[in-house]
C-alpha atoms as a PDB file:
ATOM      1  CA  UNK A   1      26.543  -2.093  14.191  1.00  0.00           C
ATOM      2  CA  UNK A   2      29.861  -3.938  14.426  1.00  0.00           C
ATOM      3  CA  UNK A   3      28.260  -6.925  16.201  1.00  0.00           C
ATOM      4  CA  UNK A   4      25.629  -7.140  13.450  1.00  0.00           C
ATOM      5  CA  UNK A   5      28.217  -7.196  10.664  1.00  0.00           C
ATOM      6  CA  UNK A   6      30.254  -9.836  12.580  1.00  0.00           C
ATOM      7  CA  UNK A   7      27.135 -11.940  13.029  1.00  0.00           C
ATOM      8  CA  UNK A   8      26.348 -11.818   9.324  1.00  0.00           C
ATOM      9  CA  UNK A   9      29.877 -12.707   8.393  1.00  0.00           C
ATOM     10  CA  UNK A  10      29.830 -15.630  10.735  1.00  0.00           C
ATOM     11  CA  UNK A  11      26.445 -16.893   9.508  1.00  0.00           C
ATOM     12  CA  UNK A  12      27.656 -16.629   5.876  1.00  0.00           C
ATOM     13  CA  UNK A  13      30.801 -18.575   6.703  1.00  0.00           C
ATOM     14  CA  UNK A  14      28.874 -21.300   8.441  1.00  0.00           C
ATOM     15  CA  UNK A  15      26.338 -21.619   5.636  1.00  0.00           C
ATOM     16  CA  UNK A  16      29.051 -21.608   2.997  1.00  0.00           C
ATOM     17  CA  UNK A  17      30.727 -24.598   4.769  1.00  0.00           C
ATOM     18  CA  UNK A  18      27.430 -26.537   4.609  1.00  0.00           C
ATOM     19  CA  UNK A  19      26.452 -25.492   1.124  1.00  0.00           C
ATOM     20  CA  UNK A  20      29.728 -25.828  -0.640  1.00  0.00           C
ATOM     21  CA  UNK A  21      28.339 -28.211  -3.313  1.00  0.00           C
ATOM     22  CA  UNK A  22      25.650 -25.597  -4.074  1.00  0.00           C
ATOM     23  CA  UNK A  23      28.246 -22.958  -4.576  1.00  0.00           C
ATOM     24  CA  UNK A  24      30.334 -25.218  -6.867  1.00  0.00           C
ATOM     25  CA  UNK A  25      27.177 -25.942  -8.959  1.00  0.00           C
ATOM     26  CA  UNK A  26      26.271 -22.182  -9.055  1.00  0.00           C
ATOM     27  CA  UNK A  27      29.852 -21.300 -10.108  1.00  0.00           C
ATOM     28  CA  UNK A  28      29.778 -24.025 -12.749  1.00  0.00           C
ATOM     29  CA  UNK A  29      26.432 -22.727 -14.191  1.00  0.00           C
ATOM     30  CA  UNK A  30      27.571 -19.060 -14.135  1.00  0.00           C
ATOM     31  CA  UNK A  31      30.915 -19.784 -15.858  1.00  0.00           C
ATOM     32  CA  UNK A  32      29.819 -22.653 -18.132  1.00  0.00           C
ATOM     33  CA  UNK A  33      31.064 -21.059 -21.419  1.00  0.00           C
ATOM     34  CA  UNK A  34      34.537 -20.263 -19.899  1.00  0.00           C
ATOM     35  CA  UNK A  35      34.800 -23.789 -18.425  1.00  0.00           C
ATOM     36  CA  UNK A  36      33.754 -25.439 -21.712  1.00  0.00           C
ATOM     37  CA  UNK A  37      36.196 -23.449 -23.773  1.00  0.00           C
ATOM     38  CA  UNK A  38      39.206 -23.286 -21.440  1.00  0.00           C
ATOM     39  CA  UNK A  39      39.076 -25.749 -18.542  1.00  0.00           C
ATOM     40  CA  UNK A  40      37.305 -28.842 -19.849  1.00  0.00           C
ATOM     41  CA  UNK A  41      39.461 -31.893 -20.322  1.00  0.00           C
ATOM     42  CA  UNK A  42      37.551 -33.003 -23.337  1.00  0.00           C
ATOM     43  CA  UNK A  43      37.424 -29.659 -25.187  1.00  0.00           C
ATOM     44  CA  UNK A  44      39.406 -31.249 -28.059  1.00  0.00           C
ATOM     45  CA  UNK A  45      36.724 -34.015 -28.398  1.00  0.00           C
ATOM     46  CA  UNK A  46      33.413 -32.170 -29.056  1.00  0.00           C
ATOM     47  CA  UNK A  47      31.660 -35.361 -30.035  1.00  0.00           C
ATOM     48  CA  UNK A  48      31.666 -36.512 -26.396  1.00  0.00           C
ATOM     49  CA  UNK A  49      29.348 -33.643 -25.396  1.00  0.00           C
ATOM     50  CA  UNK A  50      31.038 -33.288 -22.064  1.00  0.00           C
ATOM     51  CA  UNK A  51      30.259 -29.527 -21.839  1.00  0.00           C
ATOM     52  CA  UNK A  52      32.472 -29.144 -18.799  1.00  0.00           C
ATOM     53  CA  UNK A  53      30.870 -31.857 -16.702  1.00  0.00           C
ATOM     54  CA  UNK A  54      34.258 -33.475 -16.274  1.00  0.00           C
ATOM     55  CA  UNK A  55      35.573 -30.279 -14.624  1.00  0.00           C
ATOM     56  CA  UNK A  56      32.398 -30.022 -12.476  1.00  0.00           C
ATOM     57  CA  UNK A  57      32.747 -33.642 -11.279  1.00  0.00           C
ATOM     58  CA  UNK A  58      36.427 -33.067 -10.448  1.00  0.00           C
ATOM     59  CA  UNK A  59      35.574 -30.007  -8.309  1.00  0.00           C
ATOM     60  CA  UNK A  60      32.813 -31.992  -6.513  1.00  0.00           C
ATOM     61  CA  UNK A  61      35.232 -34.763  -5.718  1.00  0.00           C
ATOM     62  CA  UNK A  62      37.777 -32.210  -4.420  1.00  0.00           C
ATOM     63  CA  UNK A  63      35.135 -30.610  -2.225  1.00  0.00           C
ATOM     64  CA  UNK A  64      34.230 -34.121  -0.749  1.00  0.00           C
ATOM     65  CA  UNK A  65      37.955 -34.752  -0.005  1.00  0.00           C
ATOM     66  CA  UNK A  66      38.243 -31.408   1.732  1.00  0.00           C
ATOM     67  CA  UNK A  67      35.137 -32.295   3.846  1.00  0.00           C
ATOM     68  CA  UNK A  68      36.608 -35.657   4.731  1.00  0.00           C
ATOM     69  CA  UNK A  69      39.962 -34.094   5.597  1.00  0.00           C
ATOM     70  CA  UNK A  70      38.392 -31.492   7.804  1.00  0.00           C
ATOM     71  CA  UNK A  71      36.324 -34.213   9.558  1.00  0.00           C
ATOM     72  CA  UNK A  72      39.467 -36.295  10.206  1.00  0.00           C
ATOM     73  CA  UNK A  73      41.271 -33.199  11.510  1.00  0.00           C
ATOM     74  CA  UNK A  74      38.345 -32.397  13.803  1.00  0.00           C
ATOM     75  CA  UNK A  75      38.335 -35.983  15.107  1.00  0.00           C
ATOM     76  CA  UNK A  76      42.110 -35.731  15.752  1.00  0.00           C
ATOM     77  CA  UNK A  77      41.654 -32.545  17.647  1.00  0.00           C
ATOM     78  CA  UNK A  78      39.019 -34.179  19.806  1.00  0.00           C
ATOM     79  CA  UNK A  79      41.275 -37.137  20.720  1.00  0.00           C
ATOM     80  CA  UNK A  80      43.313 -36.498  23.688  1.00  0.00           C
ATOM     81  CA  UNK A  81      45.842 -38.812  25.287  1.00  0.00           C
ATOM     82  CA  UNK A  82      45.804 -39.161  29.048  1.00  0.00           C
ATOM     83  CA  UNK A  83      48.845 -39.991  30.961  1.00  0.00           C
ATOM     84  CA  UNK A  84      49.392 -40.364  34.669  1.00  0.00           C
ATOM     85  CA  UNK A  85      52.558 -38.809  35.880  1.00  0.00           C
ATOM     86  CA  UNK A  86      52.211 -39.340  39.565  1.00  0.00           C
ATOM     87  CA  UNK A  87      51.003 -42.431  41.414  1.00  0.00           C
ATOM     88  CA  UNK A  88      48.711 -41.419  44.295  1.00  0.00           C
ATOM     89  CA  UNK A  89      48.035 -43.869  47.065  1.00  0.00           C
ATOM     90  CA  UNK A  90      44.460 -44.606  47.900  1.00  0.00           C
ATOM     91  CA  UNK A  91      43.531 -44.763  51.611  1.00  0.00           C
ATOM     92  CA  UNK A  92      40.388 -46.806  52.475  1.00  0.00           C
ATOM     93  CA  UNK A  93      38.555 -45.871  55.607  1.00  0.00           C
ATOM     94  CA  UNK A  94      37.712 -48.870  57.608  1.00  0.00           C
ATOM     95  CA  UNK A  95      34.536 -47.346  59.161  1.00  0.00           C
ATOM     96  CA  UNK A  96      32.437 -45.354  56.708  1.00  0.00           C
ATOM     97  CA  UNK A  97      28.981 -45.737  58.432  1.00  0.00           C
ATOM     98  CA  UNK A  98      28.234 -44.922  62.028  1.00  0.00           C
ATOM     99  CA  UNK A  99      25.885 -47.365  63.702  1.00  0.00           C
ATOM    100  CA  UNK A 100      23.121 -45.725  65.697  1.00  0.00           C
ATOM    101  CA  UNK A 101      21.552 -47.996  68.393  1.00  0.00           C
ATOM    102  CA  UNK A 102      17.937 -47.160  69.049  1.00  0.00           C
ATOM    103  CA  UNK A 103      16.164 -48.602  72.085  1.00  0.00           C
ATOM    104  CA  UNK A 104      13.145 -50.783  71.553  1.00  0.00           C
ATOM    105  CA  UNK A 105      10.001 -49.202  73.008  1.00  0.00           C
ATOM    106  CA  UNK A 106       7.089 -51.719  73.061  1.00  0.00           C
ATOM    107  CA  UNK A 107       4.720 -49.151  74.450  1.00  0.00           C
ATOM    108  CA  UNK A 108       4.343 -47.463  70.983  1.00  0.00           C
ATOM    109  CA  UNK A 109       2.792 -50.539  69.435  1.00  0.00           C
ATOM    110  CA  UNK A 110      -0.160 -50.808  71.817  1.00  0.00           C
ATOM    111  CA  UNK A 111      -2.750 -49.744  69.112  1.00  0.00           C
ATOM    112  CA  UNK A 112      -1.623 -52.406  66.683  1.00  0.00           C
ATOM    113  CA  UNK A 113      -4.319 -54.992  66.254  1.00  0.00           C
ATOM    114  CA  UNK A 114      -2.430 -57.497  64.172  1.00  0.00           C
ATOM    115  CA  UNK A 115      -3.764 -56.787  60.656  1.00  0.00           C
ATOM    116  CA  UNK A 116      -2.291 -54.291  58.319  1.00  0.00           C
ATOM    117  CA  UNK A 117      -4.978 -54.401  55.697  1.00  0.00           C
ATOM    118  CA  UNK A 118      -8.655 -53.717  56.250  1.00  0.00           C
ATOM    119  CA  UNK A 119     -10.974 -53.740  53.355  1.00  0.00           C
ATOM    120  CA  UNK A 120     -13.412 -50.839  52.961  1.00  0.00           C
ATOM    121  CA  UNK A 121     -16.583 -51.212  54.881  1.00  0.00           C
ATOM    122  CA  UNK A 122     -19.985 -50.170  53.493  1.00  0.00           C
ATOM    123  CA  UNK A 123     -22.273 -48.284  55.683  1.00  0.00           C
END
């Protein structure tokens, strides 16, 4: 039971990270009256017919900046500096391959008739 609840929580957190714009839009639509009356920058100018869109756009920009910042932070975490503290000497081996001498045996090539390719013959 505990594993299932943990799995659901992880799935919701992953999905919420990818659908943050959808959640911003849903929150805007659900709280539209409150946003228009209290949070809108142009609430004193009703002839502009802003209806809270300025607040909505500001929240979208803020979400984009948060995404960019998290991507930059992830890239910084992936970047690692390598430093060499100790110099190791490299030893090269002069003989890496062993030469094997095989004696030539001309008796094995008795059946060789001189041609490698023979075309198929019809009966």
